[in-house]
Amino acid sequence: MENVIKYVTGFFGGLSAVLLAVLPVTILWTILTGGAVFGMDVVTNLSALITSLGEGGFVGLIVLVLLTSFFIKK
């Protein structure tokens, strides 16, 4: 059972690493070409996310701290 948990954790860790590596490339692509990547406008989506967190007040701050805790390696 421990092997399965390690395998699943490793898979999702690797997947998140790949997605975090692709994110700056998609932002750069959108800025340089003005076109969407895979049918998504990454810059608009990130702007909407930041706006919604900002409008959330204290709850938005808590969500932001929780989200950053997932991406900081300890």
N, C-alpha and C. Protein backbone atom coordinates (compact mmCIF):
# COMPACT_ATOMS: atom_id res chain seq x y z
N MET A 1 0.81 -1.18 0.00
CA MET A 1 0.00 0.00 0.00
C MET A 1 0.87 1.27 0.00
N GLU A 2 2.00 1.21 0.70
CA GLU A 2 2.90 2.37 0.73
C GLU A 2 3.46 2.66 -0.66
N ASN A 3 3.73 1.60 -1.42
CA ASN A 3 4.25 1.79 -2.77
C ASN A 3 3.24 2.50 -3.66
N VAL A 4 1.97 2.17 -3.51
CA VAL A 4 0.92 2.80 -4.31
C VAL A 4 0.82 4.28 -3.96
N ILE A 5 0.88 4.60 -2.68
CA ILE A 5 0.79 5.99 -2.26
C ILE A 5 2.00 6.78 -2.76
N LYS A 6 3.19 6.18 -2.69
CA LYS A 6 4.38 6.84 -3.20
C LYS A 6 4.30 7.05 -4.71
N TYR A 7 3.75 6.06 -5.41
CA TYR A 7 3.62 6.16 -6.85
C TYR A 7 2.65 7.28 -7.23
N VAL A 8 1.51 7.33 -6.58
CA VAL A 8 0.50 8.35 -6.89
C VAL A 8 1.03 9.73 -6.53
N THR A 9 1.68 9.85 -5.37
CA THR A 9 2.24 11.13 -4.95
C THR A 9 3.33 11.59 -5.92
N GLY A 10 4.16 10.68 -6.34
CA GLY A 10 5.20 11.01 -7.31
C GLY A 10 4.63 11.42 -8.65
N PHE A 11 3.56 10.75 -9.06
CA PHE A 11 2.92 11.09 -10.34
C PHE A 11 2.37 12.51 -10.31
N PHE A 12 1.61 12.83 -9.26
CA PHE A 12 1.03 14.17 -9.18
C PHE A 12 2.09 15.24 -8.95
N GLY A 13 3.16 14.90 -8.23
CA GLY A 13 4.26 15.84 -8.07
C GLY A 13 4.94 16.13 -9.40
N GLY A 14 5.15 15.10 -10.19
CA GLY A 14 5.74 15.29 -11.52
C GLY A 14 4.83 16.06 -12.46
N LEU A 15 3.54 15.76 -12.38
CA LEU A 15 2.58 16.46 -13.22
C LEU A 15 2.52 17.94 -12.88
N SER A 16 2.53 18.26 -11.60
CA SER A 16 2.51 19.67 -11.21
C SER A 16 3.81 20.36 -11.62
N ALA A 17 4.93 19.67 -11.57
CA ALA A 17 6.19 20.25 -12.00
C ALA A 17 6.17 20.57 -13.49
N VAL A 18 5.60 19.68 -14.27
CA VAL A 18 5.49 19.92 -15.72
C VAL A 18 4.57 21.10 -15.99
N LEU A 19 3.44 21.16 -15.30
CA LEU A 19 2.50 22.26 -15.53
C LEU A 19 3.10 23.60 -15.10
N LEU A 20 3.85 23.60 -14.01
CA LEU A 20 4.49 24.85 -13.58
C LEU A 20 5.61 25.26 -14.52
N ALA A 21 6.20 24.32 -15.24
CA ALA A 21 7.22 24.65 -16.23
C ALA A 21 6.58 25.18 -17.52
N VAL A 22 5.38 24.71 -17.84
CA VAL A 22 4.70 25.13 -19.07
C VAL A 22 4.04 26.50 -18.90
N LEU A 23 3.66 26.85 -17.68
CA LEU A 23 2.94 28.10 -17.44
C LEU A 23 3.70 29.34 -17.93
N PRO A 24 4.98 29.53 -17.60
CA PRO A 24 5.67 30.72 -18.12
C PRO A 24 5.77 30.73 -19.65
N VAL A 25 5.90 29.57 -20.25
CA VAL A 25 5.98 29.50 -21.71
C VAL A 25 4.65 29.94 -22.34
N THR A 26 3.54 29.51 -21.75
CA THR A 26 2.24 29.91 -22.30
C THR A 26 1.99 31.40 -22.10
N ILE A 27 2.45 31.95 -20.97
CA ILE A 27 2.30 33.39 -20.76
C ILE A 27 3.13 34.15 -21.78
N LEU A 28 4.35 33.72 -22.00
CA LEU A 28 5.21 34.36 -22.99
C LEU A 28 4.62 34.25 -24.39
N TRP A 29 4.09 33.08 -24.73
CA TRP A 29 3.47 32.88 -26.04
C TRP A 29 2.29 33.82 -26.24
N THR A 30 1.46 33.97 -25.20
CA THR A 30 0.29 34.84 -25.30
C THR A 30 0.72 36.29 -25.46
N ILE A 31 1.76 36.70 -24.75
CA ILE A 31 2.23 38.08 -24.85
C ILE A 31 2.85 38.36 -26.22
N LEU A 32 3.64 37.42 -26.71
CA LEU A 32 4.33 37.64 -27.99
C LEU A 32 3.40 37.55 -29.19
N THR A 33 2.50 36.59 -29.19
CA THR A 33 1.67 36.38 -30.37
C THR A 33 0.25 36.93 -30.22
N GLY A 34 -0.20 37.08 -28.99
CA GLY A 34 -1.57 37.55 -28.78
C GLY A 34 -2.60 36.45 -28.97
N GLY A 35 -2.15 35.24 -29.23
CA GLY A 35 -3.06 34.13 -29.46
C GLY A 35 -3.20 33.26 -28.23
N ALA A 36 -4.27 32.50 -28.23
CA ALA A 36 -4.54 31.59 -27.12
C ALA A 36 -3.72 30.31 -27.29
N VAL A 37 -3.43 29.68 -26.17
CA VAL A 37 -2.70 28.42 -26.17
C VAL A 37 -3.67 27.33 -25.75
N PHE A 38 -3.83 26.32 -26.58
CA PHE A 38 -4.76 25.22 -26.33
C PHE A 38 -6.19 25.74 -26.10
N GLY A 39 -6.54 26.83 -26.76
CA GLY A 39 -7.89 27.38 -26.62
C GLY A 39 -8.12 28.15 -25.34
N MET A 40 -7.06 28.43 -24.58
CA MET A 40 -7.19 29.17 -23.32
C MET A 40 -6.37 30.44 -23.39
N ASP A 41 -6.92 31.52 -22.85
CA ASP A 41 -6.17 32.75 -22.71
C ASP A 41 -5.61 32.79 -21.29
N VAL A 42 -4.37 32.40 -21.14
CA VAL A 42 -3.76 32.20 -19.84
C VAL A 42 -3.67 33.51 -19.06
N VAL A 43 -3.29 34.59 -19.73
CA VAL A 43 -3.12 35.87 -19.04
C VAL A 43 -4.45 36.36 -18.49
N THR A 44 -5.53 36.23 -19.26
CA THR A 44 -6.85 36.65 -18.80
C THR A 44 -7.30 35.79 -17.62
N ASN A 45 -7.06 34.50 -17.68
CA ASN A 45 -7.44 33.62 -16.57
C ASN A 45 -6.67 33.95 -15.30
N LEU A 46 -5.37 34.21 -15.42
CA LEU A 46 -4.57 34.57 -14.24
C LEU A 46 -5.01 35.92 -13.67
N SER A 47 -5.33 36.85 -14.55
CA SER A 47 -5.82 38.16 -14.09
C SER A 47 -7.13 38.02 -13.35
N ALA A 48 -8.03 37.18 -13.85
CA ALA A 48 -9.31 36.96 -13.18
C ALA A 48 -9.11 36.28 -11.83
N LEU A 49 -8.17 35.36 -11.75
CA LEU A 49 -7.89 34.69 -10.48
C LEU A 49 -7.35 35.67 -9.45
N ILE A 50 -6.41 36.51 -9.85
CA ILE A 50 -5.84 37.49 -8.93
C ILE A 50 -6.90 38.50 -8.50
N THR A 51 -7.76 38.91 -9.43
CA THR A 51 -8.84 39.85 -9.09
C THR A 51 -9.80 39.23 -8.09
N SER A 52 -10.17 37.98 -8.30
CA SER A 52 -11.12 37.34 -7.39
C SER A 52 -10.50 37.13 -6.00
N LEU A 53 -9.21 36.84 -5.94
CA LEU A 53 -8.54 36.72 -4.64
C LEU A 53 -8.46 38.08 -3.95
N GLY A 54 -8.23 39.13 -4.72
CA GLY A 54 -8.17 40.47 -4.15
C GLY A 54 -9.51 40.94 -3.63
N GLU A 55 -10.59 40.58 -4.32
CA GLU A 55 -11.92 40.97 -3.88
C GLU A 55 -12.39 40.14 -2.70
N GLY A 56 -11.72 39.04 -2.43
CA GLY A 56 -12.12 38.16 -1.34
C GLY A 56 -11.75 38.67 0.03
N GLY A 57 -10.90 39.69 0.09
CA GLY A 57 -10.50 40.23 1.38
C GLY A 57 -9.67 39.24 2.17
N PHE A 58 -10.04 39.06 3.44
CA PHE A 58 -9.27 38.18 4.32
C PHE A 58 -9.34 36.72 3.86
N VAL A 59 -10.49 36.30 3.37
CA VAL A 59 -10.63 34.93 2.87
C VAL A 59 -9.74 34.72 1.65
N GLY A 60 -9.66 35.72 0.78
CA GLY A 60 -8.78 35.63 -0.37
C GLY A 60 -7.33 35.52 0.04
N LEU A 61 -6.96 36.23 1.10
CA LEU A 61 -5.59 36.15 1.61
C LEU A 61 -5.29 34.75 2.14
N ILE A 62 -6.22 34.17 2.85
CA ILE A 62 -6.04 32.82 3.38
C ILE A 62 -5.90 31.82 2.24
N VAL A 63 -6.74 31.95 1.21
CA VAL A 63 -6.66 31.05 0.05
C VAL A 63 -5.32 31.21 -0.65
N LEU A 64 -4.85 32.45 -0.77
CA LEU A 64 -3.56 32.68 -1.41
C LEU A 64 -2.42 32.05 -0.62
N VAL A 65 -2.46 32.16 0.70
CA VAL A 65 -1.43 31.53 1.53
C VAL A 65 -1.48 30.00 1.39
N LEU A 66 -2.68 29.44 1.36
CA LEU A 66 -2.80 27.99 1.18
C LEU A 66 -2.29 27.54 -0.18
N LEU A 67 -2.61 28.30 -1.23
CA LEU A 67 -2.12 27.94 -2.56
C LEU A 67 -0.61 28.02 -2.65
N THR A 68 -0.02 29.04 -2.07
CA THR A 68 1.44 29.15 -2.12
C THR A 68 2.12 28.07 -1.29
N SER A 69 1.46 27.60 -0.25
CA SER A 69 2.06 26.54 0.57
C SER A 69 2.18 25.23 -0.21
N PHE A 70 1.33 25.04 -1.22
CA PHE A 70 1.43 23.83 -2.04
C PHE A 70 2.65 23.86 -2.94
N PHE A 71 3.09 25.06 -3.32
CA PHE A 71 4.15 25.17 -4.30
C PHE A 71 5.52 25.46 -3.70
N ILE A 72 5.58 25.69 -2.40
CA ILE A 72 6.86 25.94 -1.74
C ILE A 72 7.41 24.61 -1.23
N LYS A 73 8.62 24.30 -1.64
CA LYS A 73 9.24 23.05 -1.18
C LYS A 73 9.83 23.26 0.19
N LYS A 74 9.60 22.31 1.05
CA LYS A 74 10.07 22.42 2.44
C LYS A 74 11.31 21.60 2.63
